[in-house]
Amino acid sequence: MYGRAGREAAEKAKGEPMILPEHQKQVAAYCRVSTDHSDQANSLESQMRFFRQYIDGKPDWNLYRVFADEGITGTSTKKRHAFHQMIEDAMQGKFQLILTKEISRFARNTLDSIYYTRELKKYGVAVCFLNDNINTMDPDAELRLTIMSSIAQEESRRTSERVKWGQKRRMEQGIVFGRDMLGYDVRNGKMFVNEKGAEIVRFIFSQLIHEGKGAHSIARELEAREIETPTGKRKWSDSVILRILRNEKYCGDLIQKKTITPDYLSHAKKYNHGEEAFVILRDHHEPIIDRTTFEQAKEILEGRSARQKNHNKYSSRHCFSGKIKCGRCGANYVARFKLRKDHSRYGSWCCSEAKANGRPDQNNSKGCFAMSIRDDDAFHLMALTLQHLAIDTKRCVTALFTVVSAILEQKSKISESQRERNIKKKERLLELYLNEEITEDEFRTARRKFEKNLPTCGNASEAFATQERLKQLRSTAEAIAFGGLCDETFYREILDHMVVTDREHISLFLKNLPLEMHYAILNE
């Protein structure tokens, strides 16, 4: 876009390159509306028209561009793409002046207003706030800007409080703040059953209660039946199934304010963990499943969760499960199997973000560049760590087996004492039989009982067996402790976590030890 003088010159040149007068100042304008509603869209167009006419009316000004952000909040500049493009162009010297109607259109955050006007001033770019009559090149501009920005920021805070208060009152009246979900359509703040989705919801609850299936099995069953997710995807995740089974809306209840916006400046949402009161309405809308079914599903899930907590969560899992972290994106590594050239399989670990979204590129902003690590390499690093521990491992093993030996010897003494008591009881039993105080059947029955409890081997052979067990245990423990033998149970208990950044940067952290081991995997 060009100013009036520029356009006239262009028309006269009839397509020839236009040469602007040297004294003309390149001027940009910035406008913003906070919503994308039709009335606000009209307001935005009106603002843009105003700036074009205003700049055209200045003979020594030439319009560089009108920058506009639509449907973006003013309390933060993070998502205002046109605003950032304007700042970048200004720093490149493409214009010398920015026009905006008022400070609240530029920024409602005092720190942002001061920061950006200072930065622009360094590059010789002034900002003129027309309604506030402030030009940042004036000597007292920053003081006036600070005062006016603070007023605008406070107004934003008050507006935020009014909006939140109004939303809560509407929630208490039963107005639904949310989007469509599986089984329900939300229209004008009310929930209506979507029968197609409702059938899927009933199927999920039936699979849990009547078939006894877990979230993973239900997800696979839905995929086998080619049923799409609420977002139209073919793959169901366990977490989606669990959210459906725990969602109170399916039995007719409504709980709102599960997420809140504690900071009106950043507008960042977070889960409500009691910071604000929930709005709970019972029997708010038509249920898809009855309350008894919902409560039954809740009990099943809580029972499984309790059993899982009481059970060692790693008892049936690999020793590295949940313990390998990505040094690039922070995600957990997950196990997978690969095939060698001879078609034999071997285990490896890869970043879950990289596995789900691949490597990032110009068309893919997600994903991760993390490398995978083979199972045997991870075991080898654990063995090396144990070999290089800065502790007297041999002394620790010896101390441990001093305790183990004492326990086994004490057990042996108890066994021998029990054996002696049984022998005396057997002798006494024989006396009773010989004195005809008990019958032969009673004697035989009691003797069989004593013989069953009486050790079959003598003291010497039992002591020898105990010593052999000790030798075997000590040999195995030393092999594990010195890194000569891989043991998943031991590694699971001693490893806190492992961080894999790339082949040259792998770190291991052990439990209860202020120790960090760094490794690199060299190419073969």
Protein backbone atom coordinates (compact mmCIF):
# COMPACT_ATOMS: atom_id res chain seq x y z
CA MET A 1 0.00 0.00 0.00
CA TYR A 2 1.18 3.55 -0.73
CA GLY A 3 0.04 7.03 0.28
CA ARG A 4 -2.06 9.27 -1.93
CA ALA A 5 0.95 11.00 -3.48
CA GLY A 6 2.55 7.66 -4.12
CA ARG A 7 -0.55 6.26 -5.83
CA GLU A 8 -0.88 9.35 -8.06
CA ALA A 9 2.74 9.01 -9.10
CA ALA A 10 2.20 5.34 -9.83
CA GLU A 11 -0.81 6.06 -12.01
CA LYS A 12 1.12 8.66 -14.00
CA ALA A 13 4.03 6.28 -14.47
CA LYS A 14 1.59 3.65 -15.84
CA GLY A 15 3.49 0.66 -14.51
CA GLU A 16 6.95 2.25 -14.34
CA PRO A 17 8.88 1.90 -11.02
CA MET A 18 7.63 4.48 -8.54
CA ILE A 19 10.22 6.80 -6.93
CA LEU A 20 9.06 8.30 -3.63
CA PRO A 21 10.15 11.82 -2.61
CA GLU A 22 13.13 11.63 -0.24
CA HIS A 23 11.42 13.71 2.45
CA GLN A 24 8.48 11.29 2.83
CA LYS A 25 8.38 9.31 6.10
CA GLN A 26 7.40 5.65 6.01
CA VAL A 27 4.56 5.14 8.50
CA ALA A 28 2.95 1.93 9.77
CA ALA A 29 -0.26 1.55 11.73
CA TYR A 30 -1.37 -1.09 14.23
CA CYS A 31 -4.91 -2.04 15.21
CA ARG A 32 -6.44 -4.96 17.07
CA VAL A 33 -9.78 -6.39 18.15
CA SER A 34 -10.11 -8.99 20.87
CA THR A 35 -12.73 -11.25 19.23
CA ASP A 36 -13.53 -12.49 15.76
CA HIS A 37 -17.27 -11.70 15.97
CA SER A 38 -18.85 -9.91 13.01
CA ASP A 39 -19.26 -6.61 14.87
CA GLN A 40 -15.59 -6.69 15.86
CA ALA A 41 -14.59 -7.55 12.30
CA ASN A 42 -16.43 -4.43 11.19
CA SER A 43 -14.63 -2.45 13.88
CA LEU A 44 -11.28 -3.75 12.62
CA GLU A 45 -12.06 -2.76 9.06
CA SER A 46 -13.16 0.65 10.31
CA GLN A 47 -9.87 1.11 12.17
CA MET A 48 -7.83 0.13 9.11
CA ARG A 49 -9.82 2.54 6.91
CA PHE A 50 -9.26 5.32 9.44
CA PHE A 51 -5.47 4.87 9.41
CA ARG A 52 -5.28 4.79 5.61
CA GLN A 53 -7.23 8.03 5.37
CA TYR A 54 -5.30 9.62 8.22
CA ILE A 55 -1.91 8.85 6.67
CA ASP A 56 -3.09 9.81 3.16
CA GLY A 57 -3.93 13.22 4.60
CA LYS A 58 -0.28 13.85 5.50
CA PRO A 59 1.69 14.98 2.41
CA ASP A 60 5.04 14.00 3.89
CA TRP A 61 3.89 10.56 5.08
CA ASN A 62 3.70 7.34 3.09
CA LEU A 63 1.73 4.32 4.32
CA TYR A 64 4.01 1.31 4.69
CA ARG A 65 1.37 -1.14 5.97
CA VAL A 66 -1.54 -1.48 8.36
CA PHE A 67 -0.79 -4.34 10.77
CA ALA A 68 -3.89 -5.96 12.29
CA ASP A 69 -4.53 -8.76 14.79
CA GLU A 70 -8.04 -10.20 15.00
CA GLY A 71 -9.51 -12.31 17.79
CA ILE A 72 -6.35 -11.98 19.93
CA THR A 73 -6.14 -10.78 23.53
CA GLY A 74 -4.24 -7.61 24.29
CA THR A 75 -2.95 -8.63 27.72
CA SER A 76 -0.17 -10.69 26.13
CA THR A 77 1.80 -10.24 22.91
CA LYS A 78 2.75 -13.92 22.52
CA LYS A 79 0.13 -14.88 19.90
CA ARG A 80 -0.11 -11.53 18.11
CA HIS A 81 1.61 -12.45 14.86
CA ALA A 82 1.00 -9.16 13.07
CA PHE A 83 2.37 -7.28 16.08
CA HIS A 84 5.61 -9.27 16.02
CA GLN A 85 5.94 -8.83 12.27
CA MET A 86 5.59 -5.09 12.77
CA ILE A 87 8.34 -5.04 15.43
CA GLU A 88 10.63 -7.08 13.18
CA ASP A 89 10.08 -4.77 10.18
CA ALA A 90 10.68 -1.72 12.37
CA MET A 91 14.03 -3.07 13.56
CA GLN A 92 15.00 -3.58 9.92
CA GLY A 93 14.41 0.12 9.26
CA LYS A 94 11.45 -0.33 6.93
CA PHE A 95 9.51 2.54 8.57
CA GLN A 96 10.07 5.27 11.16
CA LEU A 97 6.70 5.73 12.84
CA ILE A 98 3.91 3.52 14.21
CA LEU A 99 0.41 4.88 14.68
CA THR A 100 -2.11 3.26 17.01
CA LYS A 101 -5.32 4.64 18.46
CA GLU A 102 -4.69 4.03 22.15
CA ILE A 103 -2.41 2.18 24.57
CA SER A 104 -4.98 -0.56 25.21
CA ARG A 105 -4.85 -1.47 21.50
CA PHE A 106 -1.05 -1.68 21.58
CA ALA A 107 -0.72 -3.61 24.87
CA ARG A 108 -2.62 -3.83 28.15
CA ASN A 109 0.45 -5.14 29.92
CA THR A 110 2.57 -2.33 31.36
CA LEU A 111 5.83 -4.25 31.01
CA ASP A 112 5.15 -5.03 27.33
CA SER A 113 4.29 -1.39 26.58
CA ILE A 114 7.51 -0.07 28.14
CA TYR A 115 9.71 -2.86 26.73
CA TYR A 116 8.59 -2.59 23.10
CA THR A 117 8.52 1.23 22.98
CA ARG A 118 12.06 1.33 24.41
CA GLU A 119 13.28 -1.23 21.88
CA LEU A 120 11.70 0.66 19.00
CA LYS A 121 13.20 3.91 20.24
CA LYS A 122 16.68 2.34 20.00
CA TYR A 123 16.07 1.85 16.28
CA GLY A 124 14.75 5.37 15.83
CA VAL A 125 11.11 4.27 15.52
CA ALA A 126 8.50 6.32 17.35
CA VAL A 127 5.09 5.11 18.51
CA CYS A 128 2.27 7.62 18.46
CA PHE A 129 -0.87 6.90 20.52
CA LEU A 130 -3.44 9.18 18.93
CA ASN A 131 -6.25 9.13 21.53
CA ASP A 132 -3.78 9.38 24.44
CA ASN A 133 -1.74 12.15 22.72
CA ILE A 134 1.56 10.38 23.46
CA ASN A 135 4.59 10.27 21.19
CA THR A 136 7.34 8.04 22.57
CA MET A 137 10.02 10.43 21.31
CA ASP A 138 8.77 13.15 23.71
CA PRO A 139 10.89 13.64 26.89
CA ASP A 140 8.04 12.80 29.31
CA ALA A 141 6.51 10.07 27.12
CA GLU A 142 7.65 7.09 29.21
CA LEU A 143 6.21 8.49 32.44
CA ARG A 144 2.86 9.20 30.80
CA LEU A 145 2.96 5.82 29.03
CA THR A 146 3.60 4.01 32.32
CA ILE A 147 0.65 5.71 33.98
CA MET A 148 -1.70 5.08 31.07
CA SER A 149 -0.52 1.47 30.63
CA SER A 150 -1.07 0.77 34.33
CA ILE A 151 -4.61 2.11 34.02
CA ALA A 152 -5.22 -0.09 30.95
CA GLN A 153 -3.79 -3.14 32.73
CA GLU A 154 -6.00 -2.53 35.76
CA GLU A 155 -9.00 -2.22 33.47
CA SER A 156 -8.09 -5.60 31.95
CA ARG A 157 -7.96 -7.12 35.44
CA ARG A 158 -11.37 -5.72 36.30
CA THR A 159 -12.80 -6.89 32.99
CA SER A 160 -11.41 -10.37 33.63
CA GLU A 161 -12.99 -10.46 37.09
CA ARG A 162 -16.36 -9.33 35.68
CA VAL A 163 -16.24 -11.97 32.95
CA LYS A 164 -15.34 -14.74 35.42
CA TRP A 165 -18.12 -13.64 37.80
CA GLY A 166 -20.64 -13.62 34.96
CA GLN A 167 -19.53 -17.03 33.70
CA LYS A 168 -19.88 -18.55 37.17
CA ARG A 169 -23.40 -17.16 37.58
CA ARG A 170 -24.37 -18.64 34.19
CA MET A 171 -22.79 -21.97 35.15
CA GLU A 172 -24.88 -22.01 38.34
CA GLN A 173 -27.95 -21.48 36.15
CA GLY A 174 -27.03 -24.61 34.16
CA ILE A 175 -25.46 -23.00 31.08
CA VAL A 176 -22.82 -25.38 29.66
CA PHE A 177 -19.43 -23.91 28.84
CA GLY A 178 -17.83 -26.51 26.63
CA ARG A 179 -17.73 -28.18 23.26
CA ASP A 180 -19.40 -31.24 21.75
CA MET A 181 -18.24 -34.55 23.18
CA LEU A 182 -18.80 -38.22 22.40
CA GLY A 183 -22.52 -38.83 22.89
CA TYR A 184 -23.54 -35.20 23.36
CA ASP A 185 -23.96 -32.12 21.18
CA VAL A 186 -23.73 -28.74 22.92
CA ARG A 187 -26.00 -26.06 21.44
CA ASN A 188 -26.76 -22.68 23.02
CA GLY A 189 -25.39 -23.83 26.36
CA LYS A 190 -27.50 -27.00 26.52
CA MET A 191 -26.57 -30.67 26.09
CA PHE A 192 -28.44 -32.92 23.67
CA VAL A 193 -27.87 -36.67 23.30
CA ASN A 194 -26.20 -37.72 20.06
CA GLU A 195 -27.47 -41.29 19.65
CA LYS A 196 -24.63 -42.42 17.40
CA GLY A 197 -22.03 -41.43 19.96
CA ALA A 198 -24.22 -42.60 22.84
CA GLU A 199 -24.14 -46.17 21.50
CA ILE A 200 -20.35 -46.11 21.62
CA VAL A 201 -20.42 -44.83 25.22
CA ARG A 202 -22.81 -47.61 26.28
CA PHE A 203 -20.61 -50.17 24.53
CA ILE A 204 -17.53 -48.94 26.45
CA PHE A 205 -19.28 -49.18 29.83
CA SER A 206 -20.66 -52.63 28.94
CA GLN A 207 -17.19 -53.89 27.99
CA LEU A 208 -15.84 -52.79 31.38
CA ILE A 209 -18.69 -54.04 33.57
CA HIS A 210 -20.01 -57.14 31.79
CA GLU A 211 -16.89 -58.31 29.93
CA GLY A 212 -14.35 -57.31 32.58
CA LYS A 213 -12.08 -55.66 30.01
CA GLY A 214 -9.58 -52.92 30.79
CA ALA A 215 -9.06 -49.62 28.96
CA HIS A 216 -6.40 -51.07 26.67
CA SER A 217 -8.58 -54.03 25.62
CA ILE A 218 -11.60 -51.79 25.06
CA ALA A 219 -9.52 -49.46 22.87
CA ARG A 220 -8.32 -52.38 20.74
CA GLU A 221 -11.90 -53.70 20.45
CA LEU A 222 -13.12 -50.33 19.16
CA GLU A 223 -10.30 -50.27 16.61
CA ALA A 224 -11.14 -53.82 15.49
CA ARG A 225 -14.74 -52.72 14.91
CA GLU A 226 -13.42 -49.71 12.91
CA ILE A 227 -15.17 -47.23 15.22
CA GLU A 228 -13.64 -43.76 15.02
CA THR A 229 -12.71 -41.57 17.99
CA PRO A 230 -14.64 -38.33 18.73
CA THR A 231 -11.98 -36.48 16.70
CA GLY A 232 -12.36 -38.79 13.71
CA LYS A 233 -9.21 -40.85 14.26
CA ARG A 234 -8.99 -44.63 13.94
CA LYS A 235 -6.66 -45.21 16.90
CA TRP A 236 -8.11 -45.11 20.43
CA SER A 237 -5.87 -44.42 23.40
CA ASP A 238 -6.27 -45.91 26.87
CA SER A 239 -6.50 -42.42 28.39
CA VAL A 240 -9.50 -41.51 26.20
CA ILE A 241 -11.33 -44.64 27.36
CA LEU A 242 -10.61 -43.86 31.01
CA ARG A 243 -11.80 -40.25 30.62
CA ILE A 244 -15.09 -41.51 29.18
CA LEU A 245 -15.57 -44.04 32.00
CA ARG A 246 -14.90 -41.34 34.63
CA ASN A 247 -16.92 -38.54 33.04
CA GLU A 248 -19.89 -37.72 35.25
CA LYS A 249 -21.76 -36.09 32.33
CA TYR A 250 -22.75 -39.56 31.05
CA CYS A 251 -24.96 -40.17 34.10
CA GLY A 252 -26.60 -36.73 33.83
CA ASP A 253 -24.43 -34.70 36.21
CA LEU A 254 -22.47 -31.57 35.31
CA ILE A 255 -19.26 -30.37 36.95
CA GLN A 256 -17.79 -27.13 35.62
CA LYS A 257 -14.67 -25.06 36.41
CA LYS A 258 -12.46 -28.16 36.14
CA THR A 259 -9.94 -25.83 34.51
CA ILE A 260 -9.29 -22.23 35.55
CA THR A 261 -7.32 -19.21 34.34
CA PRO A 262 -5.50 -17.89 37.42
CA ASP A 263 -3.47 -15.23 35.57
CA TYR A 264 -5.45 -12.73 33.49
CA LEU A 265 -2.24 -11.55 31.80
CA SER A 266 -0.98 -14.87 30.45
CA HIS A 267 -4.45 -16.47 30.03
CA ALA A 268 -2.78 -19.84 30.71
CA LYS A 269 -5.26 -22.52 31.77
CA LYS A 270 -4.55 -25.09 34.49
CA TYR A 271 -6.47 -27.87 36.20
CA ASN A 272 -8.47 -26.74 39.22
CA HIS A 273 -7.08 -28.57 42.25
CA GLY A 274 -9.30 -26.74 44.73
CA GLU A 275 -8.05 -23.21 44.07
CA GLU A 276 -11.61 -22.27 43.00
CA ALA A 277 -14.96 -23.82 43.87
CA PHE A 278 -16.42 -26.25 41.35
CA VAL A 279 -19.93 -25.70 40.00
CA ILE A 280 -21.75 -29.04 40.48
CA LEU A 281 -25.27 -29.71 39.20
CA ARG A 282 -26.86 -33.13 39.75
CA ASP A 283 -29.35 -34.51 37.17
CA HIS A 284 -28.60 -31.57 34.92
CA HIS A 285 -29.34 -33.22 31.56
CA GLU A 286 -30.53 -36.46 29.97
CA PRO A 287 -28.15 -39.31 30.95
CA ILE A 288 -26.73 -41.84 28.50
CA ILE A 289 -26.18 -44.47 31.21
CA ASP A 290 -27.97 -44.86 34.53
CA ARG A 291 -26.33 -43.79 37.78
CA THR A 292 -26.03 -47.37 39.08
CA THR A 293 -23.98 -48.36 36.02
CA PHE A 294 -21.76 -45.29 36.39
CA GLU A 295 -21.12 -46.01 40.10
CA GLN A 296 -20.40 -49.65 39.32
CA ALA A 297 -17.83 -48.61 36.70
CA LYS A 298 -16.31 -46.18 39.20
CA GLU A 299 -15.92 -48.93 41.81
CA ILE A 300 -14.25 -51.25 39.30
CA LEU A 301 -11.74 -48.59 38.26
CA GLU A 302 -10.99 -47.59 41.85
CA GLY A 303 -10.51 -51.24 42.82
CA ARG A 304 -8.07 -51.82 39.97
CA SER A 305 -6.21 -48.62 40.81
CA ALA A 306 -5.89 -49.63 44.48
CA ARG A 307 -4.61 -53.09 43.54
CA GLN A 308 -2.08 -51.57 41.20
CA LYS A 309 -0.80 -49.23 43.91
CA ASN A 310 -0.50 -52.02 46.46
CA HIS A 311 1.30 -54.19 43.93
CA ASN A 312 4.85 -53.32 43.02
CA LYS A 313 4.23 -51.36 39.84
CA TYR A 314 7.45 -52.63 38.31
CA SER A 315 7.02 -56.29 39.27
CA SER A 316 5.95 -57.41 35.81
CA ARG A 317 7.71 -54.73 33.82
CA HIS A 318 11.17 -54.30 32.43
CA CYS A 319 13.74 -52.81 34.80
CA PHE A 320 14.10 -49.72 32.57
CA SER A 321 10.36 -49.06 32.25
CA GLY A 322 9.63 -45.42 33.12
CA LYS A 323 13.30 -44.78 33.93
CA ILE A 324 14.80 -43.67 30.62
CA LYS A 325 14.16 -39.99 29.83
CA CYS A 326 14.78 -38.00 26.65
CA GLY A 327 17.42 -35.32 27.12
CA ARG A 328 15.98 -33.31 24.22
CA CYS A 329 12.25 -33.06 24.91
CA GLY A 330 11.89 -34.65 28.39
CA ALA A 331 9.51 -37.43 27.29
CA ASN A 332 9.76 -41.00 28.58
CA TYR A 333 11.38 -43.70 26.48
CA VAL A 334 9.20 -46.67 25.54
CA ALA A 335 10.20 -50.23 24.69
CA ARG A 336 10.01 -51.67 21.20
CA PHE A 337 11.48 -54.59 19.26
CA LYS A 338 13.61 -54.46 16.13
CA LEU A 339 14.71 -57.10 13.64
CA ARG A 340 18.31 -57.86 12.77
CA LYS A 341 19.36 -58.87 9.26
CA ASP A 342 19.11 -62.52 10.27
CA HIS A 343 15.47 -61.84 11.35
CA SER A 344 16.25 -62.32 15.04
CA ARG A 345 14.64 -59.80 17.40
CA TYR A 346 16.29 -57.51 19.93
CA GLY A 347 14.86 -54.97 22.36
CA SER A 348 15.47 -51.23 22.25
CA TRP A 349 14.13 -48.02 23.77
CA CYS A 350 13.02 -44.88 21.91
CA CYS A 351 11.58 -41.47 22.78
CA SER A 352 7.76 -41.65 22.96
CA GLU A 353 7.46 -38.22 21.30
CA ALA A 354 9.69 -39.32 18.42
CA LYS A 355 7.77 -42.59 18.09
CA ALA A 356 4.41 -40.82 18.00
CA ASN A 357 5.28 -37.87 15.73
CA GLY A 358 8.58 -38.74 14.02
CA ARG A 359 11.28 -36.12 13.46
CA PRO A 360 10.34 -32.44 13.20
CA ASP A 361 10.79 -30.65 9.88
CA GLN A 362 9.35 -27.67 8.03
CA ASN A 363 5.99 -29.45 7.75
CA ASN A 364 6.02 -31.04 11.20
CA SER A 365 6.59 -28.89 14.31
CA LYS A 366 6.11 -31.87 16.63
CA GLY A 367 8.34 -34.89 17.13
CA CYS A 368 11.88 -35.19 18.45
CA PHE A 369 15.40 -35.83 17.14
CA ALA A 370 16.17 -38.23 20.01
CA MET A 371 18.13 -41.42 19.33
CA SER A 372 17.09 -44.89 20.44
CA ILE A 373 19.18 -47.07 22.73
CA ARG A 374 19.48 -50.84 22.57
CA ASP A 375 18.54 -53.00 25.54
CA ASP A 376 21.98 -54.60 25.77
CA ASP A 377 23.65 -51.15 25.63
CA ALA A 378 21.53 -49.98 28.57
CA PHE A 379 22.47 -53.11 30.55
CA HIS A 380 26.12 -52.59 29.66
CA LEU A 381 26.02 -49.00 30.96
CA MET A 382 24.54 -50.24 34.24
CA ALA A 383 27.32 -52.82 34.55
CA LEU A 384 29.97 -50.16 33.90
CA THR A 385 28.39 -47.91 36.51
CA LEU A 386 28.59 -50.65 39.14
CA GLN A 387 32.20 -51.38 38.20
CA HIS A 388 33.19 -47.75 38.68
CA LEU A 389 31.25 -46.97 41.84
CA ALA A 390 33.39 -44.97 44.25
CA ILE A 391 32.58 -47.36 47.13
CA ASP A 392 34.20 -50.52 48.47
CA THR A 393 31.82 -52.95 46.77
CA LYS A 394 33.62 -56.04 48.04
CA ARG A 395 33.37 -54.82 51.60
CA CYS A 396 29.66 -54.15 51.16
CA VAL A 397 29.07 -57.67 49.82
CA THR A 398 31.05 -59.15 52.73
CA ALA A 399 29.05 -57.13 55.26
CA LEU A 400 25.81 -58.19 53.61
CA PHE A 401 26.70 -61.86 53.78
CA THR A 402 27.76 -61.60 57.38
CA VAL A 403 24.14 -60.72 58.08
CA VAL A 404 22.80 -63.44 55.74
CA SER A 405 25.06 -66.08 57.35
CA ALA A 406 23.90 -65.10 60.82
CA ILE A 407 20.26 -65.46 59.76
CA LEU A 408 20.82 -68.87 58.17
CA GLU A 409 22.81 -70.08 61.20
CA GLN A 410 20.07 -68.91 63.54
CA LYS A 411 17.54 -70.72 61.37
CA SER A 412 19.71 -73.83 61.51
CA LYS A 413 19.87 -73.64 65.33
CA ILE A 414 16.10 -73.32 65.54
CA SER A 415 15.72 -76.32 63.24
CA GLU A 416 18.15 -78.38 65.34
CA SER A 417 16.35 -77.44 68.55
CA GLN A 418 13.05 -78.49 67.02
CA ARG A 419 14.64 -81.78 65.93
CA GLU A 420 15.81 -82.55 69.47
CA ARG A 421 12.38 -81.81 70.90
CA ASN A 422 10.76 -84.15 68.37
CA ILE A 423 13.17 -86.95 69.26
CA LYS A 424 12.31 -86.60 72.96
CA LYS A 425 8.61 -86.60 72.12
CA LYS A 426 9.09 -89.75 70.05
CA GLU A 427 10.89 -91.48 72.94
CA ARG A 428 8.11 -90.45 75.31
CA LEU A 429 5.54 -91.76 72.84
CA LEU A 430 7.29 -95.13 72.77
CA GLU A 431 7.21 -95.30 76.59
CA LEU A 432 3.47 -94.61 76.56
CA TYR A 433 2.91 -97.42 74.06
CA LEU A 434 5.08 -99.91 75.95
CA ASN A 435 3.23 -99.06 79.17
CA GLU A 436 -0.02 -99.71 77.27
CA GLU A 437 -1.23 -96.16 77.98
CA ILE A 438 -2.07 -95.65 74.26
CA THR A 439 -3.25 -98.07 71.57
CA GLU A 440 -1.12 -99.23 68.64
CA ASP A 441 -3.13 -97.13 66.18
CA GLU A 442 -2.62 -94.01 68.30
CA PHE A 443 1.10 -94.79 68.52
CA ARG A 444 1.47 -95.23 64.73
CA THR A 445 -0.47 -92.03 63.98
CA ALA A 446 1.58 -89.92 66.40
CA ARG A 447 4.88 -91.43 65.19
CA ARG A 448 4.11 -90.62 61.55
CA LYS A 449 3.46 -87.02 62.59
CA PHE A 450 6.79 -86.77 64.41
CA GLU A 451 8.72 -88.38 61.57
CA LYS A 452 7.23 -85.91 59.14
CA ASN A 453 8.51 -82.96 61.21
CA LEU A 454 11.86 -84.56 62.01
CA PRO A 455 14.71 -83.46 59.64
CA THR A 456 15.81 -86.31 57.40
CA CYS A 457 19.47 -85.30 57.35
CA GLY A 458 21.92 -85.05 60.20
CA ASN A 459 23.65 -81.97 61.58
CA ALA A 460 26.74 -82.35 59.38
CA SER A 461 24.87 -82.72 56.10
CA GLU A 462 22.50 -79.83 56.93
CA ALA A 463 25.39 -77.53 57.82
CA PHE A 464 27.13 -78.51 54.57
CA ALA A 465 24.00 -77.66 52.55
CA THR A 466 23.76 -74.26 54.31
CA GLN A 467 27.39 -73.45 53.49
CA GLU A 468 26.88 -74.41 49.84
CA ARG A 469 23.86 -72.13 49.59
CA LEU A 470 25.88 -69.30 51.10
CA LYS A 471 28.71 -69.79 48.62
CA GLN A 472 26.30 -69.79 45.70
CA LEU A 473 24.49 -66.70 46.94
CA ARG A 474 27.75 -64.85 47.58
CA SER A 475 29.09 -65.74 44.13
CA THR A 476 25.90 -64.49 42.44
CA ALA A 477 25.80 -61.28 44.50
CA GLU A 478 29.43 -60.48 43.74
CA ALA A 479 28.86 -61.07 40.02
CA ILE A 480 25.90 -58.65 40.07
CA ALA A 481 27.55 -56.02 42.28
CA PHE A 482 30.77 -55.96 40.22
CA GLY A 483 28.87 -55.73 36.92
CA GLY A 484 29.65 -59.23 35.73
CA LEU A 485 26.05 -60.43 35.75
CA CYS A 486 22.94 -58.51 34.64
CA ASP A 487 20.04 -58.76 37.05
CA GLU A 488 16.84 -56.85 36.26
CA THR A 489 15.55 -56.88 39.85
CA PHE A 490 18.78 -55.38 41.19
CA TYR A 491 19.01 -52.80 38.39
CA ARG A 492 15.38 -51.81 38.92
CA GLU A 493 16.01 -51.11 42.59
CA ILE A 494 19.31 -49.24 42.25
CA LEU A 495 18.63 -47.14 39.10
CA ASP A 496 16.81 -43.85 39.63
CA HIS A 497 16.77 -42.75 35.99
CA MET A 498 18.80 -42.53 32.79
CA VAL A 499 18.89 -39.49 30.46
CA VAL A 500 19.65 -40.05 26.76
CA THR A 501 20.44 -36.89 24.76
CA ASP A 502 22.51 -38.35 21.93
CA ARG A 503 25.15 -41.05 21.44
CA GLU A 504 27.80 -38.92 23.13
CA HIS A 505 25.70 -37.73 26.06
CA ILE A 506 24.07 -40.42 28.23
CA SER A 507 23.77 -39.90 32.00
CA LEU A 508 22.89 -42.38 34.76
CA PHE A 509 21.59 -41.48 38.22
CA LEU A 510 21.42 -44.03 41.04
CA LYS A 511 18.99 -44.00 43.95
CA ASN A 512 20.18 -42.44 47.23
CA LEU A 513 23.64 -41.75 45.79
CA PRO A 514 24.94 -38.24 44.90
CA LEU A 515 26.38 -39.73 41.74
CA GLU A 516 26.04 -38.88 38.07
CA MET A 517 27.75 -41.09 35.48
CA HIS A 518 28.27 -39.84 31.91
CA TYR A 519 28.77 -42.13 28.91
CA ALA A 520 29.08 -42.09 25.15
CA ILE A 521 28.24 -44.96 22.78
CA LEU A 522 30.84 -45.17 20.03
CA ASN A 523 29.98 -46.31 16.54
CA GLU A 524 31.19 -49.78 15.70
